[in-house]
Amino acid sequence: MQLQVFLNADDVRFSYLSDDEPPVKNEVLKGVSLAVGKGEFVAVLGHNGSGKSTLAKCFNAINLPESGTVTVNGMDTADDENLLNIRKSAGMVFQNPDNQIVATIVEEDVAFALENLGVEPEEIRRRVDESLKLVDMYDYRMHAPHKLSGGQKQRVAIAGILAMDPECILLDEPTAMLDPRGRAEVMNTIKLLNKTKGTTIVLITHYMEEAAQADRVVVIDGGEVMLDGTPKEIFSQVETMKNLGLDVPQVTELVWRLRKDGFDLPADIISEDECVEALAGLLGKRSAQI
């Protein structure tokens, strides 16, 4: 079934100017075209400087393209009148949750943007409670954010975006500063929002195991989209990924090396469960032959 396009970049170019005198123009996006369907969970991969974070900021109207167009739910980001509605439709969560947390009490932080928008107090109460329950942080609503773990802080930051009731959340390496437990907490929250609320998710990550949980993976290199497909389609191209300076999930690498040594295993394994099942089947066949 064809998904309704929610985020769309059409031949987008964007450059930064250096601090040099005279300034030097550095083109970061070089004619990027990418459409994200409503309700999709898309992971975006690329090494540092590839342009992936710049593209995410274009979808949130933080960056405006030099040429080409970016639309969010049909709204052109270049039109100033669309800015507030775009930010309501597509919220953004950054790498460091401390940069988004502004209040000294969790529930006050989640309510902050709603108060600035003049939302009625009863509606603020409802949205704050609902958002904190969705990210499993309701029991911490009266806690001080600085006393929370990294994963808990990031979930509070996500709750603050959720309170705005966005249809899409853009996450720029939200687990980069977290330990494995914190990463798992945030990923569980992201998947829950996508599956239960139908929230469109764009996740920028360096962790291949996180990308493997998405519906679709987009690889950006040198300001251009190089690969676009399902996780199995992308990660089965191990040598291509390595040539782009990227890894694949550890189990995919293991299977790739075993296949090179002559073992008969599927090339598109991306999860531990798939790997265990395939290895068990292979060992079973070998046992039967002995």
Protein backbone atom coordinates (compact mmCIF):
# COMPACT_ATOMS: atom_id res chain seq x y z
CA MET A 1 0.00 0.00 0.00
CA GLN A 2 1.35 3.43 -0.99
CA LEU A 3 1.94 5.62 2.05
CA GLN A 4 0.92 9.27 2.08
CA VAL A 5 4.09 11.38 1.84
CA PHE A 6 4.64 13.32 5.05
CA LEU A 7 8.22 14.61 4.66
CA ASN A 8 9.58 15.43 1.23
CA ALA A 9 12.93 16.82 0.08
CA ASP A 10 13.15 17.53 -3.63
CA ASP A 11 16.63 18.21 -5.11
CA VAL A 12 17.73 20.00 -1.93
CA ARG A 13 21.05 21.81 -1.73
CA PHE A 14 22.41 23.39 1.43
CA SER A 15 25.77 24.94 2.35
CA TYR A 16 27.47 26.26 5.47
CA LEU A 17 29.81 29.24 5.46
CA SER A 18 33.09 28.91 7.34
CA ASP A 19 34.40 31.48 9.84
CA ASP A 20 37.31 32.25 7.54
CA GLU A 21 37.91 35.65 6.00
CA PRO A 22 36.63 35.64 3.37
CA PRO A 23 34.09 32.91 4.28
CA VAL A 24 34.39 29.62 2.41
CA LYS A 25 31.21 27.93 1.22
CA ASN A 26 30.94 24.23 2.10
CA GLU A 27 28.13 22.44 0.27
CA VAL A 28 26.75 19.76 2.61
CA LEU A 29 23.62 18.61 0.74
CA LYS A 30 24.09 18.11 -2.99
CA GLY A 31 20.72 17.65 -4.60
CA VAL A 32 19.11 15.33 -2.03
CA SER A 33 15.67 13.93 -2.83
CA LEU A 34 13.93 11.86 -0.17
CA ALA A 35 10.29 11.14 0.68
CA VAL A 36 9.14 9.73 4.03
CA GLY A 37 5.65 8.28 4.27
CA LYS A 38 3.20 9.03 7.05
CA GLY A 39 3.66 6.47 9.83
CA GLU A 40 7.03 5.21 8.53
CA PHE A 41 10.01 4.49 10.77
CA VAL A 42 13.10 5.52 8.78
CA ALA A 43 16.69 5.25 10.02
CA VAL A 44 19.28 7.55 8.43
CA LEU A 45 22.92 6.46 8.42
CA GLY A 46 26.11 8.20 7.40
CA HIS A 47 29.51 9.03 8.85
CA ASN A 48 30.22 12.40 10.46
CA GLY A 49 29.87 15.24 7.96
CA SER A 50 27.78 13.22 5.52
CA GLY A 51 24.82 15.62 5.75
CA LYS A 52 22.32 13.50 7.67
CA SER A 53 21.83 15.94 10.58
CA THR A 54 21.67 18.86 8.16
CA LEU A 55 18.86 17.11 6.29
CA ALA A 56 16.93 16.46 9.53
CA LYS A 57 17.18 20.17 10.38
CA CYS A 58 15.78 20.97 6.94
CA PHE A 59 12.73 18.85 7.78
CA ASN A 60 12.28 20.86 10.99
CA ALA A 61 12.79 24.21 9.17
CA ILE A 62 15.90 24.96 11.23
CA ASN A 63 17.77 24.94 7.92
CA LEU A 64 16.24 26.38 4.75
CA PRO A 65 17.51 24.97 1.43
CA GLU A 66 19.49 27.14 -0.96
CA SER A 67 17.67 25.43 -3.80
CA GLY A 68 15.07 22.71 -4.09
CA THR A 69 12.07 22.39 -1.79
CA VAL A 70 11.29 20.78 1.54
CA THR A 71 7.71 20.14 2.60
CA VAL A 72 6.28 18.82 5.87
CA ASN A 73 2.76 17.46 5.52
CA GLY A 74 2.44 19.57 2.36
CA MET A 75 3.75 22.77 4.00
CA ASP A 76 6.73 24.45 2.34
CA THR A 77 9.44 25.18 4.93
CA ALA A 78 10.48 28.30 2.98
CA ASP A 79 7.17 29.99 3.82
CA ASP A 80 7.51 31.83 7.17
CA GLU A 81 3.77 31.52 7.78
CA ASN A 82 4.16 27.73 7.96
CA LEU A 83 6.91 27.74 10.60
CA LEU A 84 4.80 27.24 13.74
CA ASN A 85 2.63 24.54 12.16
CA ILE A 86 5.73 22.76 10.82
CA ARG A 87 7.33 22.73 14.29
CA LYS A 88 4.06 21.38 15.72
CA SER A 89 3.89 18.69 13.04
CA ALA A 90 7.54 17.60 13.18
CA GLY A 91 9.24 17.83 16.56
CA MET A 92 12.98 17.36 16.96
CA VAL A 93 14.95 15.55 19.67
CA PHE A 94 18.69 16.23 19.83
CA GLN A 95 21.68 14.19 20.95
CA ASN A 96 22.12 15.84 24.37
CA PRO A 97 18.87 15.93 26.40
CA ASP A 98 20.36 18.57 28.71
CA ASN A 99 20.11 21.02 25.81
CA GLN A 100 16.32 20.56 25.68
CA ILE A 101 15.45 20.39 29.36
CA VAL A 102 14.78 23.88 30.74
CA ALA A 103 12.82 23.42 33.98
CA THR A 104 13.73 22.13 37.43
CA ILE A 105 10.80 19.69 37.68
CA VAL A 106 10.04 17.03 35.06
CA GLU A 107 6.35 17.84 34.56
CA GLU A 108 7.09 21.58 34.33
CA ASP A 109 9.61 20.89 31.60
CA VAL A 110 7.11 18.86 29.58
CA ALA A 111 4.55 21.66 30.00
CA PHE A 112 6.95 24.46 29.04
CA ALA A 113 6.19 24.72 25.31
CA LEU A 114 2.44 24.31 25.85
CA GLU A 115 2.39 27.19 28.34
CA ASN A 116 4.23 29.39 25.83
CA LEU A 117 1.58 28.56 23.23
CA GLY A 118 -1.22 29.59 25.60
CA VAL A 119 -2.81 26.14 25.85
CA GLU A 120 -5.55 25.93 28.50
CA PRO A 121 -4.32 24.63 31.90
CA GLU A 122 -6.66 21.60 31.89
CA GLU A 123 -5.45 20.60 28.43
CA ILE A 124 -1.82 21.08 29.52
CA ARG A 125 -2.41 18.77 32.49
CA ARG A 126 -3.95 16.12 30.25
CA ARG A 127 -1.18 16.28 27.64
CA VAL A 128 1.65 16.29 30.19
CA ASP A 129 0.26 13.25 32.01
CA GLU A 130 -0.41 11.38 28.77
CA SER A 131 3.05 12.12 27.34
CA LEU A 132 4.87 11.06 30.50
CA LYS A 133 2.85 7.84 30.67
CA LEU A 134 3.68 7.06 27.03
CA VAL A 135 7.42 7.26 27.72
CA ASP A 136 7.05 5.48 31.09
CA MET A 137 8.17 8.52 33.10
CA TYR A 138 4.92 9.45 34.86
CA ASP A 139 6.19 8.23 38.24
CA TYR A 140 9.08 10.68 37.92
CA ARG A 141 6.90 13.72 37.15
CA MET A 142 7.89 15.55 40.36
CA HIS A 143 11.59 14.66 40.13
CA ALA A 144 14.42 17.05 39.28
CA PRO A 145 15.66 16.28 35.73
CA HIS A 146 19.34 16.62 36.72
CA LYS A 147 18.94 13.64 39.06
CA LEU A 148 17.72 11.33 36.29
CA SER A 149 19.82 8.92 34.25
CA GLY A 150 20.73 9.78 30.65
CA GLY A 151 18.06 7.48 29.24
CA GLN A 152 15.42 8.94 31.56
CA LYS A 153 16.38 12.49 30.58
CA GLN A 154 16.08 11.63 26.91
CA ARG A 155 12.62 10.15 27.50
CA VAL A 156 11.60 13.38 29.26
CA ALA A 157 12.86 15.32 26.21
CA ILE A 158 10.75 13.04 23.99
CA ALA A 159 7.74 13.60 26.27
CA GLY A 160 8.17 17.35 25.85
CA ILE A 161 7.92 16.89 22.07
CA LEU A 162 4.99 14.46 22.41
CA ALA A 163 3.03 17.00 24.45
CA MET A 164 2.96 19.15 21.30
CA ASP A 165 1.08 16.23 19.67
CA PRO A 166 3.35 16.02 16.58
CA GLU A 167 2.67 13.61 13.75
CA CYS A 168 6.42 13.16 13.23
CA ILE A 169 9.48 13.06 15.48
CA LEU A 170 12.99 13.66 14.13
CA LEU A 171 15.67 12.21 16.41
CA ASP A 172 19.28 13.29 15.85
CA GLU A 173 21.44 10.58 17.45
CA PRO A 174 19.31 10.51 20.62
CA THR A 175 21.18 7.52 22.09
CA ALA A 176 24.76 8.64 21.33
CA MET A 177 25.46 9.73 24.91
CA LEU A 178 23.69 6.82 26.60
CA ASP A 179 24.79 3.48 28.01
CA PRO A 180 23.27 0.25 26.57
CA ARG A 181 20.38 0.30 29.05
CA GLY A 182 19.55 3.92 28.24
CA ARG A 183 19.73 3.20 24.51
CA ALA A 184 17.32 0.29 24.91
CA GLU A 185 14.88 2.47 26.90
CA VAL A 186 14.83 5.16 24.22
CA MET A 187 14.52 2.66 21.35
CA ASN A 188 11.60 0.92 23.07
CA THR A 189 9.89 4.30 23.42
CA ILE A 190 10.48 5.17 19.75
CA LYS A 191 9.09 1.84 18.52
CA LEU A 192 6.10 2.09 20.86
CA LEU A 193 5.18 5.55 19.52
CA ASN A 194 5.53 4.36 15.93
CA LYS A 195 3.46 1.21 16.37
CA THR A 196 0.75 2.42 18.78
CA LYS A 197 0.30 6.07 17.77
CA GLY A 198 1.40 5.83 14.15
CA THR A 199 3.99 8.56 14.74
CA THR A 200 6.32 9.07 11.78
CA ILE A 201 9.89 8.50 12.98
CA VAL A 202 13.15 9.65 11.40
CA LEU A 203 16.05 8.32 13.45
CA ILE A 204 19.62 9.44 12.79
CA THR A 205 21.97 6.95 14.40
CA HIS A 206 25.48 5.49 14.36
CA TYR A 207 24.23 2.23 15.89
CA MET A 208 23.49 -0.35 13.21
CA GLU A 209 21.46 -2.53 15.58
CA GLU A 210 19.10 0.44 16.07
CA ALA A 211 18.79 1.02 12.33
CA ALA A 212 17.99 -2.67 11.85
CA GLN A 213 14.77 -2.13 13.86
CA ALA A 214 13.43 0.48 11.40
CA ASP A 215 11.08 -0.11 8.46
CA ARG A 216 13.55 1.49 6.09
CA VAL A 217 17.20 2.55 6.05
CA VAL A 218 18.61 5.50 4.10
CA VAL A 219 22.38 5.90 3.73
CA ILE A 220 23.78 9.37 3.03
CA ASP A 221 27.37 9.99 1.98
CA GLY A 222 28.98 13.18 0.77
CA GLY A 223 25.67 15.01 0.81
CA GLU A 224 23.91 12.48 -1.43
CA VAL A 225 21.55 9.56 -0.88
CA MET A 226 23.57 6.45 -1.72
CA LEU A 227 21.29 3.62 -0.55
CA ASP A 228 17.60 3.39 0.31
CA GLY A 229 15.76 0.19 1.18
CA THR A 230 14.66 -2.19 3.91
CA PRO A 231 17.21 -3.05 6.63
CA LYS A 232 17.71 -6.48 5.07
CA GLU A 233 18.31 -4.98 1.63
CA ILE A 234 20.81 -2.44 2.94
CA PHE A 235 22.75 -4.52 5.46
CA SER A 236 23.13 -7.51 3.14
CA GLN A 237 25.39 -5.20 1.06
CA VAL A 238 28.25 -5.58 3.54
CA GLU A 239 31.10 -4.63 1.23
CA THR A 240 29.24 -1.57 -0.08
CA MET A 241 28.60 -0.40 3.49
CA LYS A 242 32.26 -0.92 4.41
CA ASN A 243 33.35 1.03 1.34
CA LEU A 244 31.18 3.91 2.60
CA GLY A 245 32.96 3.76 5.96
CA LEU A 246 29.98 2.23 7.76
CA ASP A 247 29.45 -0.93 9.76
CA VAL A 248 26.64 -3.47 9.69
CA PRO A 249 24.99 -5.20 12.68
CA GLN A 250 27.44 -7.56 14.39
CA VAL A 251 25.40 -10.65 13.54
CA THR A 252 25.33 -9.60 9.88
CA GLU A 253 29.13 -9.25 9.90
CA LEU A 254 29.49 -12.67 11.55
CA VAL A 255 27.29 -14.33 8.93
CA TRP A 256 29.10 -12.47 6.13
CA ARG A 257 32.45 -13.83 7.34
CA LEU A 258 31.05 -17.37 7.68
CA ARG A 259 29.63 -17.18 4.16
CA LYS A 260 33.04 -16.13 2.86
CA ASP A 261 34.44 -19.28 4.47
CA GLY A 262 31.91 -21.41 2.62
CA PHE A 263 29.12 -21.82 5.15
CA ASP A 264 25.62 -21.97 3.62
CA LEU A 265 23.81 -19.16 5.46
CA PRO A 266 21.32 -16.50 4.31
CA ALA A 267 22.93 -13.16 3.40
CA ASP A 268 20.18 -10.99 4.88
CA ILE A 269 20.40 -11.88 8.59
CA ILE A 270 20.17 -8.73 10.75
CA SER A 271 19.01 -9.94 14.18
CA GLU A 272 20.42 -12.26 16.84
CA ASP A 273 17.33 -14.48 16.73
CA GLU A 274 17.68 -14.94 12.96
CA CYS A 275 21.35 -15.73 13.40
CA VAL A 276 20.72 -18.34 16.12
CA GLU A 277 18.00 -19.98 14.03
CA ALA A 278 20.20 -20.11 10.92
CA LEU A 279 23.23 -21.49 12.79
CA ALA A 280 21.08 -24.08 14.56
CA GLY A 281 19.68 -25.17 11.20
CA LEU A 282 23.17 -25.41 9.71
CA LEU A 283 24.48 -27.45 12.66
CA GLY A 284 21.42 -29.70 12.44
CA LYS A 285 22.12 -30.42 8.75
CA ARG A 286 25.77 -31.17 9.48
CA SER A 287 24.84 -33.50 12.36
CA ALA A 288 22.45 -35.39 10.09
CA GLN A 289 25.24 -35.88 7.54
CA ILE A 290 27.63 -37.41 10.07
